């Protein structure tokens, strides 16, 4: 699954880097929805900023979680973590909502869910939960953890899906 996602990873990275040119489609409590044309395709995504970052002694920069849809159908509700630094690829990040744990993999400054079934499980859990925690290790070897509020995620995902029809 990683190889087939390489183009989507590149698109997500460049999409986020150029977020200033994206159109904001709505605000849903702690989540915003944006859309952007990318390489002849339209991408719509729900985005939230980390509410807490640990350890507090580290400069984390901006940390976001994104769930993206491509109008072409290349990806539907693809979750990813976006950091301002590289992650250690040898130590897979983990997303946790309640008792549900979803393994991820690191690709430079992003983390993705490996399997389509796990992507669906994570997004389903996000809709039901109140907070999501991502544990990872930076390329420098620092154990890091981020918490995201899930307030507004269901409405944001609905809006992102509608905008990319």
N, C-alpha and C. Protein backbone atom coordinates (compact mmCIF):
# COMPACT_ATOMS: atom_id res chain seq x y z
N UNK A 1 0.82 -1.19 0.00
CA UNK A 1 0.00 0.00 0.00
C UNK A 1 0.86 1.25 0.00
N UNK A 2 2.06 1.20 0.60
CA UNK A 2 2.92 2.39 0.66
C UNK A 2 3.30 2.89 -0.72
N UNK A 3 3.66 2.00 -1.64
CA UNK A 3 4.09 2.43 -2.96
C UNK A 3 2.95 3.12 -3.70
N UNK A 4 1.75 2.55 -3.63
CA UNK A 4 0.63 3.17 -4.33
C UNK A 4 0.24 4.51 -3.72
N UNK A 5 0.62 4.75 -2.48
CA UNK A 5 0.30 6.02 -1.83
C UNK A 5 1.36 7.09 -2.08
N UNK A 6 2.47 6.75 -2.68
CA UNK A 6 3.56 7.72 -2.81
C UNK A 6 3.14 8.98 -3.55
N UNK A 7 2.33 8.84 -4.57
CA UNK A 7 1.86 10.02 -5.30
C UNK A 7 0.91 10.83 -4.42
N UNK A 8 0.05 10.15 -3.67
CA UNK A 8 -0.86 10.86 -2.78
C UNK A 8 -0.10 11.57 -1.67
N UNK A 9 0.96 10.95 -1.18
CA UNK A 9 1.79 11.59 -0.15
C UNK A 9 2.40 12.86 -0.70
N UNK A 10 2.96 12.79 -1.88
CA UNK A 10 3.55 13.97 -2.50
C UNK A 10 2.49 15.05 -2.69
N UNK A 11 1.31 14.65 -3.14
CA UNK A 11 0.23 15.61 -3.34
C UNK A 11 -0.21 16.23 -2.02
N UNK A 12 -0.31 15.42 -0.98
CA UNK A 12 -0.72 15.93 0.33
C UNK A 12 0.31 16.91 0.87
N UNK A 13 1.58 16.58 0.73
CA UNK A 13 2.65 17.46 1.21
C UNK A 13 2.62 18.79 0.49
N UNK A 14 2.54 18.76 -0.84
CA UNK A 14 2.53 20.03 -1.57
C UNK A 14 1.22 20.77 -1.37
N UNK A 15 0.13 20.03 -1.16
CA UNK A 15 -1.15 20.66 -0.88
C UNK A 15 -1.08 21.44 0.41
N UNK A 16 -0.57 20.81 1.44
CA UNK A 16 -0.50 21.46 2.74
C UNK A 16 0.48 22.63 2.71
N UNK A 17 1.61 22.46 2.02
CA UNK A 17 2.60 23.54 1.93
C UNK A 17 2.00 24.78 1.28
N UNK A 18 1.06 24.57 0.38
CA UNK A 18 0.44 25.70 -0.32
C UNK A 18 -0.95 26.00 0.23
N UNK A 19 -1.17 25.69 1.50
CA UNK A 19 -2.49 25.85 2.11
C UNK A 19 -2.99 27.29 2.04
N UNK A 20 -2.08 28.24 1.96
CA UNK A 20 -2.49 29.64 1.89
C UNK A 20 -3.35 29.90 0.65
N UNK A 21 -3.17 29.12 -0.41
CA UNK A 21 -3.95 29.29 -1.63
C UNK A 21 -5.23 28.47 -1.63
N UNK A 22 -5.47 27.71 -0.59
CA UNK A 22 -6.67 26.89 -0.51
C UNK A 22 -7.86 27.74 -0.11
N UNK A 23 -9.02 27.30 -0.54
CA UNK A 23 -10.26 27.99 -0.19
C UNK A 23 -10.82 27.37 1.08
N UNK A 24 -11.11 28.21 2.06
CA UNK A 24 -11.72 27.70 3.28
C UNK A 24 -13.21 27.51 3.02
N UNK A 25 -13.68 26.31 3.27
CA UNK A 25 -15.06 25.94 2.99
C UNK A 25 -15.94 26.00 4.23
N UNK A 26 -15.33 26.00 5.42
CA UNK A 26 -16.13 26.07 6.62
C UNK A 26 -15.35 25.77 7.88
N UNK A 27 -15.90 26.19 9.01
CA UNK A 27 -15.33 25.95 10.34
C UNK A 27 -16.34 25.14 11.12
N UNK A 28 -15.89 24.03 11.70
CA UNK A 28 -16.76 23.14 12.45
C UNK A 28 -16.10 22.86 13.80
N UNK A 29 -16.38 23.68 14.76
CA UNK A 29 -15.80 23.65 16.11
C UNK A 29 -14.28 23.65 15.99
N UNK A 30 -13.59 22.54 16.20
CA UNK A 30 -12.13 22.51 16.18
C UNK A 30 -11.54 22.11 14.84
N UNK A 31 -12.38 21.93 13.82
CA UNK A 31 -11.93 21.49 12.50
C UNK A 31 -12.32 22.51 11.44
N UNK A 32 -11.45 22.70 10.46
CA UNK A 32 -11.77 23.54 9.30
C UNK A 32 -11.76 22.66 8.06
N UNK A 33 -12.49 23.09 7.04
CA UNK A 33 -12.52 22.37 5.77
C UNK A 33 -12.00 23.30 4.70
N UNK A 34 -11.11 22.76 3.86
CA UNK A 34 -10.49 23.53 2.78
C UNK A 34 -10.59 22.74 1.49
N UNK A 35 -10.49 23.46 0.35
CA UNK A 35 -10.43 22.80 -0.95
C UNK A 35 -9.37 23.50 -1.79
N UNK A 36 -8.83 22.73 -2.72
CA UNK A 36 -7.76 23.26 -3.56
C UNK A 36 -7.67 22.42 -4.82
N UNK A 37 -7.36 23.07 -5.95
CA UNK A 37 -7.06 22.34 -7.17
C UNK A 37 -5.61 21.90 -7.11
N UNK A 38 -5.38 20.64 -7.43
CA UNK A 38 -4.03 20.08 -7.34
C UNK A 38 -3.80 19.18 -8.54
N UNK A 39 -2.95 19.60 -9.48
CA UNK A 39 -2.61 18.76 -10.62
C UNK A 39 -3.81 18.28 -11.41
N UNK A 40 -4.78 19.15 -11.66
CA UNK A 40 -5.95 18.78 -12.42
C UNK A 40 -7.02 18.06 -11.62
N UNK A 41 -6.83 17.90 -10.34
CA UNK A 41 -7.80 17.25 -9.46
C UNK A 41 -8.18 18.25 -8.36
N UNK A 42 -9.31 18.05 -7.77
CA UNK A 42 -9.72 18.87 -6.64
C UNK A 42 -9.55 18.04 -5.37
N UNK A 43 -8.93 18.65 -4.37
CA UNK A 43 -8.71 17.99 -3.09
C UNK A 43 -9.45 18.79 -2.02
N UNK A 44 -10.20 18.07 -1.19
CA UNK A 44 -10.94 18.69 -0.09
C UNK A 44 -10.50 18.01 1.19
N UNK A 45 -10.25 18.79 2.22
CA UNK A 45 -9.73 18.18 3.44
C UNK A 45 -10.20 18.88 4.70
N UNK A 46 -10.39 18.07 5.73
CA UNK A 46 -10.69 18.56 7.07
C UNK A 46 -9.35 18.64 7.80
N UNK A 47 -9.16 19.69 8.58
CA UNK A 47 -7.87 19.96 9.20
C UNK A 47 -8.06 20.44 10.64
N UNK A 48 -7.24 19.91 11.55
CA UNK A 48 -7.26 20.36 12.94
C UNK A 48 -5.84 20.53 13.43
N UNK A 49 -5.64 21.51 14.28
CA UNK A 49 -4.35 21.77 14.90
C UNK A 49 -4.29 21.03 16.24
N UNK A 50 -3.12 20.52 16.59
CA UNK A 50 -2.94 19.81 17.86
C UNK A 50 -3.31 20.73 19.02
N UNK A 51 -4.09 20.19 19.97
CA UNK A 51 -4.49 20.94 21.16
C UNK A 51 -3.42 20.85 22.25
N UNK A 52 -2.69 19.74 22.28
CA UNK A 52 -1.59 19.63 23.24
C UNK A 52 -0.42 18.91 22.59
N UNK A 53 0.79 19.28 23.05
CA UNK A 53 2.03 18.73 22.50
C UNK A 53 2.96 18.38 23.66
N UNK A 54 3.45 17.15 23.65
CA UNK A 54 4.42 16.76 24.69
C UNK A 54 5.62 16.10 24.05
N UNK A 55 6.79 16.25 24.63
CA UNK A 55 7.07 16.98 25.87
C UNK A 55 7.02 18.50 25.63
N UNK A 56 6.72 19.23 26.67
CA UNK A 56 6.59 20.68 26.55
C UNK A 56 7.94 21.38 26.39
N UNK A 57 9.03 20.67 26.68
CA UNK A 57 10.37 21.26 26.58
C UNK A 57 10.90 21.29 25.14
N UNK A 58 10.13 20.76 24.19
CA UNK A 58 10.57 20.66 22.78
C UNK A 58 9.82 21.68 21.94
N UNK A 59 10.52 22.27 20.97
CA UNK A 59 9.87 23.17 20.01
C UNK A 59 9.26 22.30 18.91
N UNK A 60 7.93 22.17 18.93
CA UNK A 60 7.23 21.28 18.00
C UNK A 60 6.87 21.96 16.69
N UNK A 61 6.67 23.27 16.71
CA UNK A 61 6.16 23.94 15.52
C UNK A 61 4.68 23.64 15.36
N UNK A 62 4.15 23.87 14.18
CA UNK A 62 2.74 23.61 13.91
C UNK A 62 2.53 22.12 13.62
N UNK A 63 1.56 21.53 14.27
CA UNK A 63 1.23 20.12 14.13
C UNK A 63 -0.24 20.02 13.75
N UNK A 64 -0.54 19.33 12.66
CA UNK A 64 -1.90 19.22 12.17
C UNK A 64 -2.27 17.76 11.90
N UNK A 65 -3.58 17.49 11.94
CA UNK A 65 -4.10 16.22 11.47
C UNK A 65 -5.07 16.55 10.35
N UNK A 66 -4.98 15.80 9.26
CA UNK A 66 -5.77 16.08 8.07
C UNK A 66 -6.46 14.80 7.61
N UNK A 67 -7.68 14.96 7.11
CA UNK A 67 -8.40 13.86 6.46
C UNK A 67 -8.80 14.39 5.09
N UNK A 68 -8.22 13.79 4.03
CA UNK A 68 -8.35 14.34 2.68
C UNK A 68 -9.18 13.45 1.75
N UNK A 69 -9.87 14.10 0.82
CA UNK A 69 -10.62 13.46 -0.25
C UNK A 69 -10.16 14.04 -1.57
N UNK A 70 -9.99 13.19 -2.57
CA UNK A 70 -9.70 13.64 -3.92
C UNK A 70 -10.98 13.47 -4.73
N UNK A 71 -11.38 14.50 -5.47
CA UNK A 71 -12.60 14.43 -6.26
C UNK A 71 -12.55 13.27 -7.25
N UNK A 72 -11.38 12.99 -7.79
CA UNK A 72 -11.22 11.90 -8.76
C UNK A 72 -11.45 10.52 -8.13
N UNK A 73 -11.44 10.48 -6.80
CA UNK A 73 -11.58 9.19 -6.13
C UNK A 73 -10.24 8.54 -5.81
N UNK A 74 -9.13 9.22 -6.10
CA UNK A 74 -7.80 8.67 -5.82
C UNK A 74 -7.66 8.32 -4.35
N UNK A 75 -8.33 9.06 -3.48
CA UNK A 75 -8.36 8.76 -2.04
C UNK A 75 -9.65 9.32 -1.47
N UNK A 76 -10.20 8.58 -0.54
CA UNK A 76 -11.40 9.02 0.18
C UNK A 76 -11.11 8.92 1.67
N UNK A 77 -11.27 10.03 2.35
CA UNK A 77 -11.05 10.12 3.79
C UNK A 77 -9.71 9.51 4.20
N UNK A 78 -8.64 10.01 3.59
CA UNK A 78 -7.28 9.56 3.90
C UNK A 78 -6.74 10.39 5.07
N UNK A 79 -6.55 9.75 6.24
CA UNK A 79 -6.03 10.47 7.40
C UNK A 79 -4.51 10.57 7.38
N UNK A 80 -4.00 11.71 7.88
CA UNK A 80 -2.54 11.86 7.98
C UNK A 80 -2.18 12.90 9.04
N UNK A 81 -1.03 12.70 9.64
CA UNK A 81 -0.44 13.63 10.59
C UNK A 81 0.58 14.46 9.83
N UNK A 82 0.59 15.77 10.07
CA UNK A 82 1.53 16.67 9.40
C UNK A 82 2.33 17.40 10.47
N UNK A 83 3.65 17.25 10.43
CA UNK A 83 4.51 17.91 11.41
C UNK A 83 5.44 18.90 10.72
N UNK A 84 6.15 19.67 11.50
CA UNK A 84 7.11 20.63 10.93
C UNK A 84 8.54 20.09 11.00
N UNK A 85 8.67 18.78 11.23
CA UNK A 85 9.99 18.14 11.31
C UNK A 85 9.82 16.68 10.86
N UNK A 86 10.94 16.04 10.57
CA UNK A 86 10.88 14.64 10.14
C UNK A 86 10.66 13.70 11.31
N UNK A 87 9.95 12.62 11.01
CA UNK A 87 9.69 11.57 11.98
C UNK A 87 10.64 10.40 11.73
N UNK A 88 10.88 9.61 12.75
CA UNK A 88 11.74 8.44 12.63
C UNK A 88 10.93 7.30 11.99
N UNK A 89 11.32 6.93 10.78
CA UNK A 89 10.56 5.92 10.02
C UNK A 89 10.63 4.54 10.66
N UNK A 90 11.71 4.23 11.37
CA UNK A 90 11.89 2.90 11.95
C UNK A 90 10.97 2.64 13.15
N UNK A 91 10.40 3.69 13.72
CA UNK A 91 9.50 3.53 14.88
C UNK A 91 8.14 4.07 14.46
N UNK A 92 7.23 3.17 14.10
CA UNK A 92 5.93 3.61 13.57
C UNK A 92 5.10 4.40 14.57
N UNK A 93 4.52 5.51 14.12
CA UNK A 93 3.59 6.26 14.96
C UNK A 93 2.32 5.44 15.20
N UNK A 94 1.57 5.81 16.22
CA UNK A 94 0.31 5.14 16.54
C UNK A 94 -0.75 6.20 16.82
N UNK A 95 -1.94 5.98 16.26
CA UNK A 95 -3.10 6.83 16.57
C UNK A 95 -3.94 6.08 17.59
N UNK A 96 -4.41 6.80 18.61
CA UNK A 96 -5.23 6.16 19.64
C UNK A 96 -6.46 7.01 19.94
N UNK A 97 -7.62 6.35 19.86
CA UNK A 97 -8.88 6.96 20.23
C UNK A 97 -9.56 5.96 21.16
N UNK A 98 -9.73 6.35 22.41
CA UNK A 98 -10.26 5.41 23.39
C UNK A 98 -9.36 4.19 23.48
N UNK A 99 -9.93 3.00 23.36
CA UNK A 99 -9.13 1.77 23.41
C UNK A 99 -8.67 1.33 22.03
N UNK A 100 -9.06 2.04 21.00
CA UNK A 100 -8.70 1.70 19.63
C UNK A 100 -7.31 2.26 19.29
N UNK A 101 -6.43 1.39 18.80
CA UNK A 101 -5.08 1.80 18.39
C UNK A 101 -4.90 1.46 16.92
N UNK A 102 -4.44 2.43 16.15
CA UNK A 102 -4.23 2.25 14.71
C UNK A 102 -2.76 2.51 14.39
N UNK A 103 -2.07 1.53 13.81
CA UNK A 103 -0.67 1.75 13.43
C UNK A 103 -0.56 2.66 12.21
N UNK A 104 0.49 3.44 12.20
CA UNK A 104 0.76 4.35 11.08
C UNK A 104 2.18 4.10 10.61
N UNK A 105 2.58 4.78 9.55
CA UNK A 105 3.98 4.76 9.14
C UNK A 105 4.41 6.18 8.83
N UNK A 106 5.68 6.46 9.09
CA UNK A 106 6.24 7.80 8.90
C UNK A 106 6.86 7.92 7.52
N UNK A 107 6.65 9.06 6.89
CA UNK A 107 7.28 9.40 5.62
C UNK A 107 7.71 10.86 5.73
N UNK A 108 8.95 11.07 6.08
CA UNK A 108 9.52 12.40 6.33
C UNK A 108 8.73 13.11 7.43
N UNK A 109 8.01 14.18 7.09
CA UNK A 109 7.32 14.95 8.13
C UNK A 109 5.83 14.62 8.22
N UNK A 110 5.45 13.45 7.71
CA UNK A 110 4.05 13.04 7.76
C UNK A 110 3.94 11.61 8.25
N UNK A 111 2.75 11.26 8.70
CA UNK A 111 2.46 9.88 9.08
C UNK A 111 1.12 9.50 8.46
N UNK A 112 1.06 8.31 7.90
CA UNK A 112 -0.12 7.80 7.23
C UNK A 112 -0.51 6.45 7.80
N UNK A 113 -1.75 6.06 7.56
CA UNK A 113 -2.22 4.74 7.96
C UNK A 113 -1.92 3.79 6.82
N UNK A 114 -1.37 2.63 7.15
CA UNK A 114 -0.91 1.66 6.15
C UNK A 114 -2.03 1.06 5.31
N UNK A 115 -3.05 0.51 5.95
CA UNK A 115 -4.07 -0.22 5.18
C UNK A 115 -5.37 0.58 5.07
N UNK A 116 -6.08 0.31 3.98
CA UNK A 116 -7.37 0.95 3.77
C UNK A 116 -8.37 0.60 4.86
N UNK A 117 -8.33 -0.64 5.34
CA UNK A 117 -9.23 -1.05 6.43
C UNK A 117 -8.94 -0.26 7.70
N UNK A 118 -7.65 -0.06 8.00
CA UNK A 118 -7.28 0.72 9.18
C UNK A 118 -7.63 2.20 9.01
N UNK A 119 -7.52 2.72 7.78
CA UNK A 119 -7.95 4.10 7.54
C UNK A 119 -9.42 4.26 7.88
N UNK A 120 -10.24 3.33 7.41
CA UNK A 120 -11.68 3.39 7.69
C UNK A 120 -11.95 3.25 9.18
N UNK A 121 -11.22 2.35 9.83
CA UNK A 121 -11.39 2.15 11.28
C UNK A 121 -11.05 3.42 12.04
N UNK A 122 -9.95 4.08 11.64
CA UNK A 122 -9.54 5.31 12.31
C UNK A 122 -10.59 6.40 12.13
N UNK A 123 -11.04 6.60 10.90
CA UNK A 123 -12.02 7.66 10.64
C UNK A 123 -13.33 7.36 11.37
N UNK A 124 -13.74 6.10 11.39
CA UNK A 124 -14.94 5.71 12.15
C UNK A 124 -14.77 6.04 13.63
N UNK A 125 -13.61 5.71 14.17
CA UNK A 125 -13.32 5.99 15.58
C UNK A 125 -13.28 7.49 15.85
N UNK A 126 -12.75 8.26 14.89
CA UNK A 126 -12.71 9.71 15.04
C UNK A 126 -14.13 10.27 15.16
N UNK A 127 -15.04 9.75 14.36
CA UNK A 127 -16.43 10.22 14.40
C UNK A 127 -17.08 9.94 15.75
N UNK A 128 -16.69 8.86 16.40
CA UNK A 128 -17.30 8.45 17.67
C UNK A 128 -16.59 9.03 18.89
N UNK A 129 -15.31 9.39 18.75
CA UNK A 129 -14.52 9.80 19.90
C UNK A 129 -14.58 11.28 20.21
N UNK A 130 -13.89 11.64 21.29
CA UNK A 130 -13.82 13.06 21.67
C UNK A 130 -12.41 13.61 21.53
N UNK A 131 -11.39 12.75 21.69
CA UNK A 131 -10.00 13.17 21.48
C UNK A 131 -9.23 12.03 20.81
N UNK A 132 -8.20 12.42 20.10
CA UNK A 132 -7.31 11.47 19.44
C UNK A 132 -5.89 11.81 19.85
N UNK A 133 -5.12 10.79 20.15
CA UNK A 133 -3.72 10.98 20.52
C UNK A 133 -2.85 10.27 19.49
N UNK A 134 -1.80 10.97 19.06
CA UNK A 134 -0.81 10.39 18.15
C UNK A 134 0.52 10.35 18.89
N UNK A 135 1.10 9.16 18.99
CA UNK A 135 2.43 8.98 19.58
C UNK A 135 3.40 8.67 18.46
N UNK A 136 4.56 9.31 18.48
CA UNK A 136 5.57 9.11 17.44
C UNK A 136 6.95 9.40 18.02
N UNK A 137 7.96 9.24 17.18
CA UNK A 137 9.33 9.56 17.56
C UNK A 137 9.90 10.45 16.46
N UNK A 138 10.49 11.57 16.85
CA UNK A 138 11.10 12.47 15.87
C UNK A 138 12.36 11.83 15.30
N UNK A 139 12.82 12.35 14.17
CA UNK A 139 14.05 11.84 13.55
C UNK A 139 15.24 11.96 14.50
N UNK A 140 15.17 12.90 15.44
CA UNK A 140 16.25 13.08 16.43
C UNK A 140 16.13 12.10 17.60
N UNK A 141 15.05 11.33 17.63
CA UNK A 141 14.88 10.33 18.67
C UNK A 141 14.03 10.76 19.86
N UNK A 142 13.37 11.89 19.77
CA UNK A 142 12.52 12.37 20.87
C UNK A 142 11.14 11.74 20.78
N UNK A 143 10.69 11.12 21.87
CA UNK A 143 9.33 10.58 21.96
C UNK A 143 8.37 11.75 22.06
N UNK A 144 7.41 11.83 21.14
CA UNK A 144 6.48 12.96 21.09
C UNK A 144 5.04 12.45 21.11
N UNK A 145 4.14 13.30 21.54
CA UNK A 145 2.74 12.94 21.60
C UNK A 145 1.89 14.18 21.35
N UNK A 146 0.82 13.99 20.57
CA UNK A 146 -0.08 15.10 20.24
C UNK A 146 -1.52 14.68 20.48
N UNK A 147 -2.31 15.60 21.02
CA UNK A 147 -3.73 15.35 21.19
C UNK A 147 -4.51 16.31 20.32
N UNK A 148 -5.52 15.76 19.66
CA UNK A 148 -6.41 16.53 18.79
C UNK A 148 -7.83 16.39 19.29
N UNK A 149 -8.55 17.49 19.34
CA UNK A 149 -9.96 17.45 19.66
C UNK A 149 -10.70 16.89 18.44
N UNK A 150 -11.70 16.10 18.69
CA UNK A 150 -12.53 15.56 17.61
C UNK A 150 -13.89 16.25 17.54
N UNK A 151 -14.02 17.37 18.26
CA UNK A 151 -15.26 18.15 18.21
C UNK A 151 -15.39 18.78 16.83
N UNK A 152 -16.47 18.45 16.14
CA UNK A 152 -16.71 19.00 14.81
C UNK A 152 -16.25 18.11 13.67
N UNK A 153 -15.59 16.99 13.97
CA UNK A 153 -15.03 16.16 12.89
C UNK A 153 -16.11 15.58 11.99
N UNK A 154 -17.22 15.13 12.54
CA UNK A 154 -18.26 14.52 11.70
C UNK A 154 -18.81 15.54 10.70
N UNK A 155 -19.10 16.74 11.16
CA UNK A 155 -19.60 17.78 10.27
C UNK A 155 -18.54 18.19 9.25
N UNK A 156 -17.29 18.27 9.68
CA UNK A 156 -16.20 18.66 8.78
C UNK A 156 -16.00 17.60 7.69
N UNK A 157 -16.04 16.34 8.05
CA UNK A 157 -15.89 15.26 7.05
C UNK A 157 -17.06 15.27 6.06
N UNK A 158 -18.25 15.54 6.57
CA UNK A 158 -19.40 15.64 5.68
C UNK A 158 -19.26 16.77 4.68
N UNK A 159 -18.79 17.91 5.16
CA UNK A 159 -18.59 19.07 4.29
C UNK A 159 -17.50 18.80 3.25
N UNK A 160 -16.38 18.21 3.68
CA UNK A 160 -15.29 17.90 2.75
C UNK A 160 -15.76 16.94 1.65
N UNK A 161 -16.56 15.98 2.03
CA UNK A 161 -17.09 15.01 1.06
C UNK A 161 -18.02 15.71 0.06
N UNK A 162 -18.89 16.58 0.57
CA UNK A 162 -19.84 17.30 -0.29
C UNK A 162 -19.10 18.21 -1.25
N UNK A 163 -18.10 18.93 -0.78
CA UNK A 163 -17.36 19.87 -1.62
C UNK A 163 -16.62 19.15 -2.75
N UNK A 164 -16.20 17.92 -2.50
CA UNK A 164 -15.42 17.18 -3.51
C UNK A 164 -16.28 16.20 -4.32
N UNK A 165 -17.54 16.43 -4.43
CA UNK A 165 -18.39 15.56 -5.27
C UNK A 165 -18.25 15.93 -6.71
